[in-house]
Every structure is written in C-alpha cells, then in structure tokens.
C-alpha cells in the first residue's frame, strides 16, 4: 500500500496530475500526489503499461483511484487528446528519454502550456539519453552485494519520492510566479543518494551500521531471524543489562536458543528496537 503518512488527504484537492509514465517511478509519484488529494489521470500507450503484465498486484495498487486512458501519441487524434489533457492539468509526469519526448511532440509542453509543472524522470540527469535500470544505477552507486539481486528498487522508489517533491516545489513556485516549469529527476542520482551511508562508511562492512556495533545487526533465533537495532546508548545499555552480552558472539548465543515470538514479546516488554526479519 502506498502510504500517505500523516499529510492531509485533501492537501492537493482541486489539482490535476497527468502521468504519461509507465513502470514504477512515474506511477508511484503520481499515486503519492493522488494520496494527497490530487486528481490523477494516467495515459498509457495502446499496448498498456508493461508493469500490468509483470506484476499485476503492484500495478493495481498504484492505479487505485486513477483514471486510465490509452492514447496513441503518434497519431493526430492522440496528440490532440494530449493537448486537451495538458490544458487541464497542473502537474505533468513523464519518464522517457528527451529524444522520445521530442518524437511524441511534447518536448516543449511547458513552453506551450506555461501553467504546467513538468516533472521529467530520466535514468541519468547528467546523461539522459543513456539507457539503464534500477539495477545498473545501484551497481554504479555501490549498493549491491553480488551475486544477490537487490530486494529493494532503491533508485526507482527514491527517484519517485524525489519526483513527488519536485512536483510540490514547482507548484509552490507557480503559486508565486504564475508559471510552472520543468524539473528533471535522475534515477541514477537518486540511487547515489540512497547509497550515501555506504559511501561514507556507515553501512560498509565493519562500519557502525555494517557490523561494527554488536547491538546493531541480524541475529538467528530458533525459528528464523531478528533485526536488532539497539544503537542509542540507552537501548544499548538496556540490552546488555538484560542479556549480559557485551559482544556479538555472546548476544548471538543468547538469542539463538529462543523462538522469534518469544524474543519479540520480550523486546516489546522492555522497549527494545527488535523486529522479525520477514
């Protein structure tokens, strides 16, 4: 479920978002804006969004409350429909290379529709024509641990959140100047930002959050694994007092002989940040 946190659901009521992007980052950003009260219309190509075939449940989640149209942007009727939608939209989200926008005839959408706040999601904002995907951006950022594939789409989802922030920033500026504008968001840059902890040594092997602190790590229990995050001094001291463990090996021995549910109840009772690894 896409969580709207505690932002009022009517914060963007009356605003219209037009999303031309498929797959994950654009639809996720549009759905976030929809959670804040914006009216979202998604335009898909005649063949639809590939994500619907790859992962129907995720596609359906991001399409909740969204009006979906299929438009052939290469046809005269399709371009006329897009222009009609541009006229009524406040935010435009795209997620293709600039050359593709040019072929679609919408590279200058903001010039022709000055009220539009155009958030252009690309792979690499420094080299937007270069092909890539979340995996290649994470590879460049250093957040992969070969041969395992990532369980989190770091660049895609952090890029989507950056796109959401950019849309809000453009809307604020439009409120001051009367004109929207263009913001380009790079997924590679988002992945780089997401890997900042590794780059600065915090999450690298042996770093403070990479195994260097025994009370912050993953531990095996009798029937699975738990994540222990007793990092702050009061949590750290409380865990040591309760277990008698002052090193990783002793703590591992203490937890290994207990069932996960028992550990979780014990952690809750003693206000310790410990969670099950699902």
Foldseek 3Di string as FASTA:
>chain_A
DLDLDPQAQCQPAPAEEEEAEADFQRLSLQLNVNSNHHAYEYEYAPVGHVCCVVPVVVVVVSCVNYHYHHAHLQDPVRVVVVLVVLQRHQEYEYEAALVVCVNSVCNPVCVVRFNYAYEYEAAAPVCRVDDDALQVLLVVLVNDDPPDGDPDSQLRHLQSVVSNVSSVVQVVVCVVVVGGDYDYTHSSVRSNVVSVCVVVQCCPCCHVQPPVALQAAWEAACPAIKGGDQRDPVLVVLVCVVQVDPHNVSVNVSRHDHDPVVVVVVCVVSVGPMGGDD
